[in-house]
Amino acid sequence: MIDLHTHSLFSDGELLPSELIRRAAVIGIKVLAITDHTDFSNYLFVIEHIKAVAEQFPDRKNGILVLPGVELTHVPPADIPRLIELCRMAGARVVVIHGETIVEPVEPGTNLAGIQGGADIIAHPGFISVKEAELAARKQVYLEISGRGGHSFTNGHVALTAKKTGAGLVFDSDTHADRDLMDADRALGVVRGAGLTEKDFKEMIRNAQTIAHREGL
């Protein structure tokens, strides 16, 4: 099991990174990205502090590999490509975009800017368009099937659009508290609820592995 979208108390999560990592390892997560909410005001702080924790888990120490990441959140679309670049330069191994979920007033154009800027994942992309999903497929930017309540309301649309366009999918929990973490069985339930299959779920895990490997792991 791989989860590339989680939060610690460095943004709006409830757990210290160390506790988040421990709880994830216990339920069988082998690769965990901590992707706290960031914009231009705090990206250096977040990346620096998550890197410090991640360095304590080299080579899957204690059964888990930890990746420092970010979730760019409510950043004006015109600024997203530049911030993606800055975050990668600062050491973010996974860059997630807080996509156009229907339960928040995310600015239109955020999904497209994240895809054009070469993010790794567009989280909870809401009613993403076919053209945007086609571009994501070409640029190998992955669309998220979300385990988080509210954001998961459009999972079915995301799944159908990805199937239509060939866009790759990943599953992430979007964990903010210990109760949000999902083992493989629970994650599969969410995936099946979006109209996908166990075969699709296995492909989503392979896609998450691809993101990890292209970041030098």
Protein backbone atom coordinates (compact mmCIF):
# COMPACT_ATOMS: atom_id res chain seq x y z
CA MET A 1 0.00 0.00 0.00
CA ILE A 2 1.28 3.46 -0.94
CA ASP A 3 -0.27 6.75 0.21
CA LEU A 4 1.07 9.93 -1.38
CA HIS A 5 -1.29 12.50 0.15
CA THR A 6 -1.35 12.98 3.94
CA HIS A 7 -1.12 15.86 6.41
CA SER A 8 0.61 16.46 9.73
CA LEU A 9 0.23 19.24 12.27
CA PHE A 10 2.53 21.33 10.10
CA SER A 11 -0.71 22.25 8.31
CA ASP A 12 -4.21 21.12 9.32
CA GLY A 13 -3.43 17.55 10.36
CA GLU A 14 -3.68 16.36 13.95
CA LEU A 15 -0.55 14.23 14.28
CA LEU A 16 3.15 14.84 14.59
CA PRO A 17 4.90 13.45 11.51
CA SER A 18 6.50 10.72 13.63
CA GLU A 19 3.12 9.49 14.89
CA LEU A 20 1.61 9.66 11.42
CA ILE A 21 4.50 7.57 10.10
CA ARG A 22 4.21 5.00 12.91
CA ARG A 23 0.46 4.58 12.50
CA ALA A 24 0.84 4.24 8.73
CA ALA A 25 3.54 1.59 9.07
CA VAL A 26 1.44 -0.47 11.47
CA ILE A 27 -1.43 -0.79 8.97
CA GLY A 28 0.87 -1.85 6.13
CA ILE A 29 1.67 1.35 4.26
CA LYS A 30 5.10 0.89 2.68
CA VAL A 31 5.58 4.35 1.13
CA LEU A 32 4.12 7.49 2.72
CA ALA A 33 4.31 11.05 1.43
CA ILE A 34 3.60 13.82 3.93
CA THR A 35 2.15 16.61 1.83
CA ASP A 36 1.13 19.47 4.07
CA HIS A 37 -0.82 22.41 2.67
CA THR A 38 1.50 25.05 1.25
CA ASP A 39 1.61 28.32 -0.63
CA PHE A 40 4.40 30.86 -1.12
CA SER A 41 4.29 31.81 2.57
CA ASN A 42 5.28 28.46 4.07
CA TYR A 43 6.61 26.03 1.44
CA LEU A 44 10.22 26.30 2.64
CA PHE A 45 9.21 25.71 6.27
CA VAL A 46 7.07 22.68 5.43
CA ILE A 47 9.61 21.03 3.15
CA GLU A 48 12.51 21.63 5.52
CA HIS A 49 10.72 20.11 8.49
CA ILE A 50 9.26 17.12 6.67
CA LYS A 51 12.66 16.41 5.11
CA ALA A 52 14.15 16.30 8.60
CA VAL A 53 11.69 13.59 9.60
CA ALA A 54 11.94 11.68 6.31
CA GLU A 55 15.71 11.41 6.70
CA GLN A 56 15.14 9.26 9.78
CA PHE A 57 13.52 6.58 7.60
CA PRO A 58 16.04 5.74 4.87
CA ASP A 59 15.76 2.50 2.90
CA ARG A 60 12.39 1.62 4.41
CA LYS A 61 13.63 1.73 7.98
CA ASN A 62 10.93 0.26 10.24
CA GLY A 63 9.17 -1.02 7.13
CA ILE A 64 8.23 2.33 5.64
CA LEU A 65 9.77 4.87 3.28
CA VAL A 66 8.82 8.49 3.95
CA LEU A 67 8.79 11.14 1.22
CA PRO A 68 8.72 14.90 1.83
CA GLY A 69 6.00 16.54 -0.21
CA VAL A 70 3.59 19.44 -0.49
CA GLU A 71 -0.02 20.07 -1.42
CA LEU A 72 -0.25 23.45 -3.14
CA THR A 73 -3.51 24.82 -1.80
CA HIS A 74 -5.61 27.74 -3.06
CA VAL A 75 -2.63 29.16 -4.95
CA PRO A 76 -3.68 31.43 -7.85
CA PRO A 77 -3.47 29.31 -11.02
CA ALA A 78 -1.04 31.67 -12.76
CA ASP A 79 1.43 31.13 -9.91
CA ILE A 80 1.17 27.34 -9.64
CA PRO A 81 3.82 26.32 -12.21
CA ARG A 82 6.44 28.57 -10.58
CA LEU A 83 5.63 27.27 -7.09
CA ILE A 84 5.87 23.68 -8.31
CA GLU A 85 9.37 24.45 -9.54
CA LEU A 86 10.36 26.15 -6.29
CA CYS A 87 9.07 23.24 -4.20
CA ARG A 88 11.03 20.71 -6.23
CA MET A 89 14.16 22.85 -5.90
CA ALA A 90 13.63 22.93 -2.13
CA GLY A 91 13.46 19.13 -1.96
CA ALA A 92 9.81 18.14 -2.31
CA ARG A 93 9.71 14.61 -3.70
CA VAL A 94 5.95 14.61 -4.31
CA VAL A 95 3.99 17.68 -5.46
CA VAL A 96 0.21 17.46 -5.10
CA ILE A 97 -2.22 20.12 -6.28
CA HIS A 98 -5.32 20.85 -4.19
CA GLY A 99 -7.70 20.35 -7.08
CA GLU A 100 -11.11 21.76 -7.90
CA THR A 101 -13.13 19.85 -5.32
CA ILE A 102 -16.82 20.72 -5.25
CA VAL A 103 -16.78 21.26 -1.47
CA GLU A 104 -14.38 24.24 -1.47
CA PRO A 105 -14.18 27.46 -3.52
CA VAL A 106 -11.05 26.43 -5.42
CA GLU A 107 -10.31 28.89 -8.21
CA PRO A 108 -11.23 27.59 -11.69
CA GLY A 109 -8.13 26.83 -13.70
CA THR A 110 -6.31 25.20 -10.77
CA ASN A 111 -6.49 21.69 -12.25
CA LEU A 112 -5.18 22.89 -15.61
CA ALA A 113 -2.35 24.92 -14.07
CA GLY A 114 -1.23 21.95 -12.01
CA ILE A 115 -1.20 19.71 -15.06
CA GLN A 116 0.61 22.26 -17.21
CA GLY A 117 3.13 22.84 -14.43
CA GLY A 118 3.99 19.15 -14.18
CA ALA A 119 2.71 18.29 -10.71
CA ASP A 120 2.66 14.64 -9.72
CA ILE A 121 -0.97 14.40 -8.61
CA ILE A 122 -4.12 16.50 -8.97
CA ALA A 123 -5.93 15.72 -5.74
CA HIS A 124 -9.72 15.49 -5.67
CA PRO A 125 -10.04 17.21 -9.09
CA GLY A 126 -13.83 17.53 -8.93
CA PHE A 127 -15.55 17.69 -12.32
CA ILE A 128 -12.29 17.69 -14.25
CA SER A 129 -12.86 18.14 -17.98
CA VAL A 130 -12.07 15.66 -20.70
CA LYS A 131 -9.53 18.05 -22.24
CA GLU A 132 -7.76 18.47 -18.91
CA ALA A 133 -7.69 14.72 -18.34
CA GLU A 134 -6.32 14.17 -21.85
CA LEU A 135 -3.52 16.62 -21.10
CA ALA A 136 -2.85 14.88 -17.79
CA ALA A 137 -2.51 11.59 -19.64
CA ARG A 138 0.01 13.09 -22.07
CA LYS A 139 2.05 14.72 -19.29
CA GLN A 140 1.84 11.73 -16.91
CA VAL A 141 0.13 13.76 -14.21
CA TYR A 142 -2.07 11.46 -12.14
CA LEU A 143 -5.64 12.08 -11.00
CA GLU A 144 -6.63 11.15 -7.47
CA ILE A 145 -9.41 8.93 -6.24
CA SER A 146 -9.83 10.43 -2.78
CA GLY A 147 -10.55 8.65 0.46
CA ARG A 148 -11.62 11.85 2.17
CA GLY A 149 -15.26 12.65 2.82
CA GLY A 150 -16.59 15.48 0.69
CA HIS A 151 -13.68 15.41 -1.71
CA SER A 152 -14.71 11.85 -2.58
CA PHE A 153 -18.15 12.97 -3.84
CA THR A 154 -16.85 13.24 -7.43
CA ASN A 155 -14.72 10.07 -7.42
CA GLY A 156 -17.11 8.45 -9.87
CA HIS A 157 -16.75 11.30 -12.36
CA VAL A 158 -12.96 11.24 -12.01
CA ALA A 159 -12.88 7.50 -12.59
CA LEU A 160 -15.10 7.68 -15.69
CA THR A 161 -13.15 10.59 -17.16
CA ALA A 162 -9.83 8.84 -16.58
CA LYS A 163 -11.13 5.69 -18.27
CA LYS A 164 -12.34 7.74 -21.23
CA THR A 165 -9.07 9.61 -21.71
CA GLY A 166 -6.39 7.20 -20.52
CA ALA A 167 -5.37 9.43 -17.63
CA GLY A 168 -3.62 7.58 -14.83
CA LEU A 169 -5.23 7.27 -11.41
CA VAL A 170 -3.85 6.97 -7.90
CA PHE A 171 -5.63 6.36 -4.61
CA ASP A 172 -4.78 8.56 -1.62
CA SER A 173 -6.36 8.83 1.80
CA ASP A 174 -5.86 12.60 2.28
CA THR A 175 -5.30 11.77 5.93
CA HIS A 176 -5.66 14.52 8.52
CA ALA A 177 -6.11 12.33 11.61
CA ASP A 178 -5.35 8.76 12.65
CA ARG A 179 -8.90 7.65 11.84
CA ASP A 180 -8.39 8.71 8.20
CA LEU A 181 -5.54 6.31 7.44
CA MET A 182 -6.58 3.43 5.20
CA ASP A 183 -5.16 -0.02 4.80
CA ALA A 184 -5.37 -1.78 1.45
CA ASP A 185 -8.76 -3.38 2.14
CA ARG A 186 -10.42 -0.11 3.08
CA ALA A 187 -8.82 1.69 0.16
CA LEU A 188 -10.09 -0.98 -2.21
CA GLY A 189 -13.60 -0.39 -0.88
CA VAL A 190 -13.40 3.29 -1.80
CA VAL A 191 -12.02 2.43 -5.23
CA ARG A 192 -14.83 -0.06 -5.88
CA GLY A 193 -17.34 2.55 -4.71
CA ALA A 194 -16.10 4.78 -7.53
CA GLY A 195 -17.06 2.08 -10.04
CA LEU A 196 -13.55 0.69 -10.43
CA THR A 197 -12.22 -2.83 -9.95
CA GLU A 198 -9.52 -4.61 -8.00
CA LYS A 199 -7.50 -4.70 -11.22
CA ASP A 200 -7.80 -0.92 -11.43
CA PHE A 201 -6.66 -0.65 -7.81
CA LYS A 202 -3.54 -2.67 -8.54
CA GLU A 203 -2.82 -0.35 -11.47
CA MET A 204 -3.24 2.63 -9.15
CA ILE A 205 -0.62 1.19 -6.81
CA ARG A 206 1.73 0.74 -9.78
CA ASN A 207 1.09 4.36 -10.75
CA ALA A 208 2.03 5.48 -7.24
CA GLN A 209 5.21 3.42 -7.54
CA THR A 210 5.95 5.21 -10.82
CA ILE A 211 5.72 8.58 -9.08
CA ALA A 212 8.14 7.38 -6.39
CA HIS A 213 10.62 5.95 -8.86
CA ARG A 214 10.64 9.00 -11.14
CA GLU A 215 11.58 11.05 -8.10
CA GLY A 216 14.80 9.09 -7.81
CA LEU A 217 13.83 6.26 -5.45
